[in-house]
Amino acid sequence: MEAVVDISYDQILSLVKKMPRLQKIRLTEELEKESIGSQLSSLLKAFRTDELCLDEIDKEVEIVRQQIYERAKPENQSCF
């Protein structure tokens, strides 16, 4: 069972300001991991769909690749 501690944001901030620099860096890294994990999960949930299959995705990728290739070709290909 986790213990619940009732502490305010200002109290946490005060404690963090008193921490040594290395501990602040470690705390920041942990907070970033938590935030990134949460953001990634939300992003994956937002884009999850049953409406597309891998074949449809592959076809669309090939269409876009062909369009990019066509735009990259020089307009006037002439041989000298």
N, C-alpha and C. Protein backbone atom coordinates (compact mmCIF):
# COMPACT_ATOMS: atom_id res chain seq x y z
N MET A 1 0.85 -1.17 0.00
CA MET A 1 0.00 0.00 0.00
C MET A 1 0.90 1.25 0.00
N GLU A 2 0.59 2.18 -0.88
CA GLU A 2 1.36 3.41 -0.95
C GLU A 2 0.88 4.39 0.11
N ALA A 3 1.85 5.09 0.70
CA ALA A 3 1.50 6.13 1.66
C ALA A 3 1.15 7.41 0.89
N VAL A 4 0.11 8.07 1.30
CA VAL A 4 -0.30 9.31 0.68
C VAL A 4 0.18 10.46 1.56
N VAL A 5 0.89 11.39 0.92
CA VAL A 5 1.41 12.54 1.65
C VAL A 5 0.73 13.78 1.11
N ASP A 6 0.18 14.56 1.99
CA ASP A 6 -0.49 15.80 1.61
C ASP A 6 0.54 16.93 1.66
N ILE A 7 1.03 17.31 0.48
CA ILE A 7 2.06 18.35 0.40
C ILE A 7 1.71 19.28 -0.76
N SER A 8 1.91 20.54 -0.56
CA SER A 8 1.53 21.53 -1.58
C SER A 8 2.64 21.70 -2.62
N TYR A 9 2.26 22.29 -3.71
CA TYR A 9 3.22 22.60 -4.76
C TYR A 9 4.34 23.49 -4.23
N ASP A 10 3.97 24.51 -3.46
CA ASP A 10 4.97 25.43 -2.91
C ASP A 10 5.96 24.71 -1.98
N GLN A 11 5.46 23.73 -1.22
CA GLN A 11 6.34 22.96 -0.35
C GLN A 11 7.31 22.12 -1.17
N ILE A 12 6.81 21.52 -2.23
CA ILE A 12 7.68 20.73 -3.10
C ILE A 12 8.72 21.63 -3.75
N LEU A 13 8.30 22.76 -4.24
CA LEU A 13 9.22 23.70 -4.88
C LEU A 13 10.30 24.14 -3.91
N SER A 14 9.92 24.42 -2.70
CA SER A 14 10.89 24.82 -1.68
C SER A 14 11.91 23.71 -1.43
N LEU A 15 11.45 22.47 -1.36
CA LEU A 15 12.36 21.34 -1.16
C LEU A 15 13.29 21.16 -2.35
N VAL A 16 12.75 21.29 -3.54
CA VAL A 16 13.56 21.12 -4.75
C VAL A 16 14.65 22.19 -4.81
N LYS A 17 14.32 23.40 -4.45
CA LYS A 17 15.31 24.48 -4.47
C LYS A 17 16.45 24.22 -3.49
N LYS A 18 16.21 23.45 -2.46
CA LYS A 18 17.24 23.13 -1.47
C LYS A 18 18.08 21.92 -1.86
N MET A 19 17.67 21.22 -2.89
CA MET A 19 18.39 20.01 -3.31
C MET A 19 19.71 20.37 -3.99
N PRO A 20 20.68 19.47 -3.86
CA PRO A 20 21.94 19.66 -4.61
C PRO A 20 21.68 19.56 -6.12
N ARG A 21 22.52 20.17 -6.88
CA ARG A 21 22.36 20.25 -8.34
C ARG A 21 22.19 18.87 -8.98
N LEU A 22 22.99 17.90 -8.60
CA LEU A 22 22.92 16.56 -9.19
C LEU A 22 21.56 15.91 -8.94
N GLN A 23 21.03 16.08 -7.76
CA GLN A 23 19.72 15.52 -7.45
C GLN A 23 18.62 16.22 -8.25
N LYS A 24 18.78 17.51 -8.47
CA LYS A 24 17.80 18.24 -9.30
C LYS A 24 17.81 17.70 -10.73
N ILE A 25 19.00 17.41 -11.23
CA ILE A 25 19.11 16.87 -12.59
C ILE A 25 18.44 15.50 -12.66
N ARG A 26 18.70 14.66 -11.67
CA ARG A 26 18.09 13.32 -11.65
C ARG A 26 16.56 13.42 -11.54
N LEU A 27 16.09 14.34 -10.72
CA LEU A 27 14.65 14.54 -10.58
C LEU A 27 14.04 15.00 -11.91
N THR A 28 14.71 15.92 -12.57
CA THR A 28 14.25 16.42 -13.87
C THR A 28 14.17 15.28 -14.88
N GLU A 29 15.18 14.42 -14.90
CA GLU A 29 15.18 13.29 -15.83
C GLU A 29 14.00 12.36 -15.57
N GLU A 30 13.73 12.10 -14.30
CA GLU A 30 12.60 11.23 -13.95
C GLU A 30 11.27 11.85 -14.37
N LEU A 31 11.13 13.14 -14.14
CA LEU A 31 9.90 13.83 -14.53
C LEU A 31 9.73 13.83 -16.05
N GLU A 32 10.83 13.99 -16.79
CA GLU A 32 10.77 13.97 -18.24
C GLU A 32 10.35 12.59 -18.73
N LYS A 33 10.90 11.53 -18.13
CA LYS A 33 10.53 10.16 -18.52
C LYS A 33 9.03 9.96 -18.34
N GLU A 34 8.52 10.38 -17.22
CA GLU A 34 7.09 10.23 -16.94
C GLU A 34 6.25 11.01 -17.94
N SER A 35 6.66 12.23 -18.21
CA SER A 35 5.92 13.09 -19.12
C SER A 35 5.98 12.55 -20.54
N ILE A 36 7.16 12.13 -20.99
CA ILE A 36 7.31 11.61 -22.34
C ILE A 36 6.51 10.34 -22.51
N GLY A 37 6.56 9.46 -21.52
CA GLY A 37 5.79 8.23 -21.59
C GLY A 37 4.30 8.50 -21.70
N SER A 38 3.84 9.45 -20.93
CA SER A 38 2.42 9.80 -20.95
C SER A 38 2.03 10.42 -22.29
N GLN A 39 2.88 11.31 -22.80
CA GLN A 39 2.59 11.96 -24.08
C GLN A 39 2.61 10.95 -25.22
N LEU A 40 3.58 10.01 -25.18
CA LEU A 40 3.67 9.00 -26.23
C LEU A 40 2.44 8.10 -26.20
N SER A 41 2.01 7.70 -25.02
CA SER A 41 0.82 6.86 -24.91
C SER A 41 -0.40 7.58 -25.48
N SER A 42 -0.55 8.85 -25.16
CA SER A 42 -1.68 9.62 -25.68
C SER A 42 -1.62 9.73 -27.19
N LEU A 43 -0.43 9.95 -27.71
CA LEU A 43 -0.27 10.07 -29.16
C LEU A 43 -0.61 8.76 -29.85
N LEU A 44 -0.12 7.66 -29.31
CA LEU A 44 -0.42 6.36 -29.91
C LEU A 44 -1.91 6.04 -29.87
N LYS A 45 -2.56 6.38 -28.78
CA LYS A 45 -4.01 6.16 -28.67
C LYS A 45 -4.76 7.00 -29.69
N ALA A 46 -4.29 8.23 -29.90
CA ALA A 46 -4.97 9.14 -30.83
C ALA A 46 -4.90 8.63 -32.27
N PHE A 47 -3.81 7.94 -32.62
CA PHE A 47 -3.63 7.50 -34.00
C PHE A 47 -3.98 6.03 -34.22
N ARG A 48 -4.37 5.32 -33.18
CA ARG A 48 -4.74 3.91 -33.32
C ARG A 48 -6.05 3.82 -34.09
N THR A 49 -6.05 2.90 -35.06
CA THR A 49 -7.26 2.72 -35.86
C THR A 49 -7.33 1.28 -36.38
N ASP A 50 -8.52 0.81 -36.59
CA ASP A 50 -8.74 -0.50 -37.20
C ASP A 50 -9.13 -0.33 -38.67
N GLU A 51 -9.14 0.92 -39.12
CA GLU A 51 -9.62 1.20 -40.47
C GLU A 51 -8.56 1.01 -41.54
N LEU A 52 -7.29 0.92 -41.15
CA LEU A 52 -6.21 0.77 -42.12
C LEU A 52 -5.51 -0.56 -41.92
N CYS A 53 -5.16 -1.19 -43.02
CA CYS A 53 -4.34 -2.40 -42.92
C CYS A 53 -2.95 -2.06 -43.48
N LEU A 54 -2.02 -2.94 -43.26
CA LEU A 54 -0.65 -2.70 -43.69
C LEU A 54 -0.55 -2.56 -45.21
N ASP A 55 -1.33 -3.32 -45.95
CA ASP A 55 -1.32 -3.21 -47.42
C ASP A 55 -1.73 -1.82 -47.89
N GLU A 56 -2.75 -1.25 -47.26
CA GLU A 56 -3.20 0.10 -47.62
C GLU A 56 -2.12 1.13 -47.30
N ILE A 57 -1.47 0.96 -46.18
CA ILE A 57 -0.40 1.89 -45.80
C ILE A 57 0.75 1.78 -46.79
N ASP A 58 1.14 0.56 -47.15
CA ASP A 58 2.22 0.35 -48.12
C ASP A 58 1.89 1.00 -49.46
N LYS A 59 0.65 0.84 -49.93
CA LYS A 59 0.24 1.44 -51.20
C LYS A 59 0.35 2.96 -51.15
N GLU A 60 -0.11 3.53 -50.06
CA GLU A 60 -0.05 5.00 -49.91
C GLU A 60 1.39 5.49 -49.87
N VAL A 61 2.25 4.76 -49.18
CA VAL A 61 3.67 5.12 -49.10
C VAL A 61 4.29 5.10 -50.50
N GLU A 62 3.97 4.08 -51.28
CA GLU A 62 4.51 3.99 -52.64
C GLU A 62 4.02 5.15 -53.51
N ILE A 63 2.76 5.54 -53.37
CA ILE A 63 2.22 6.67 -54.12
C ILE A 63 3.00 7.95 -53.78
N VAL A 64 3.21 8.18 -52.50
CA VAL A 64 3.93 9.38 -52.07
C VAL A 64 5.38 9.34 -52.55
N ARG A 65 6.01 8.19 -52.47
CA ARG A 65 7.39 8.06 -52.96
C ARG A 65 7.47 8.38 -54.45
N GLN A 66 6.52 7.88 -55.22
CA GLN A 66 6.50 8.15 -56.65
C GLN A 66 6.32 9.65 -56.92
N GLN A 67 5.44 10.29 -56.17
CA GLN A 67 5.24 11.74 -56.33
C GLN A 67 6.52 12.50 -56.02
N ILE A 68 7.20 12.12 -54.98
CA ILE A 68 8.46 12.78 -54.61
C ILE A 68 9.50 12.56 -55.71
N TYR A 69 9.56 11.34 -56.23
CA TYR A 69 10.50 11.01 -57.30
C TYR A 69 10.21 11.86 -58.54
N GLU A 70 8.94 11.97 -58.90
CA GLU A 70 8.55 12.74 -60.08
C GLU A 70 8.92 14.22 -59.92
N ARG A 71 8.74 14.77 -58.76
CA ARG A 71 9.09 16.18 -58.52
C ARG A 71 10.59 16.39 -58.54
N ALA A 72 11.35 15.38 -58.17
CA ALA A 72 12.81 15.52 -58.08
C ALA A 72 13.47 15.39 -59.44
N LYS A 73 12.76 14.80 -60.42
CA LYS A 73 13.35 14.64 -61.76
C LYS A 73 13.49 16.02 -62.40
N PRO A 74 14.62 16.21 -63.10
CA PRO A 74 14.78 17.48 -63.84
C PRO A 74 13.71 17.63 -64.92
N GLU A 75 13.26 18.85 -65.14
CA GLU A 75 12.19 19.12 -66.11
C GLU A 75 12.61 18.73 -67.53
N ASN A 76 13.78 19.17 -67.93
CA ASN A 76 14.23 18.91 -69.30
C ASN A 76 15.44 17.99 -69.26
N GLN A 77 15.21 16.73 -69.46
CA GLN A 77 16.33 15.80 -69.52
C GLN A 77 16.76 15.69 -70.96
N SER A 78 17.89 16.28 -71.25
CA SER A 78 18.38 16.19 -72.62
C SER A 78 19.78 15.60 -72.61
N CYS A 79 20.07 14.83 -73.62
CA CYS A 79 21.39 14.20 -73.74
C CYS A 79 22.21 15.03 -74.71
N PHE A 80 23.45 15.21 -74.41
CA PHE A 80 24.34 15.96 -75.28
C PHE A 80 25.26 15.05 -76.01
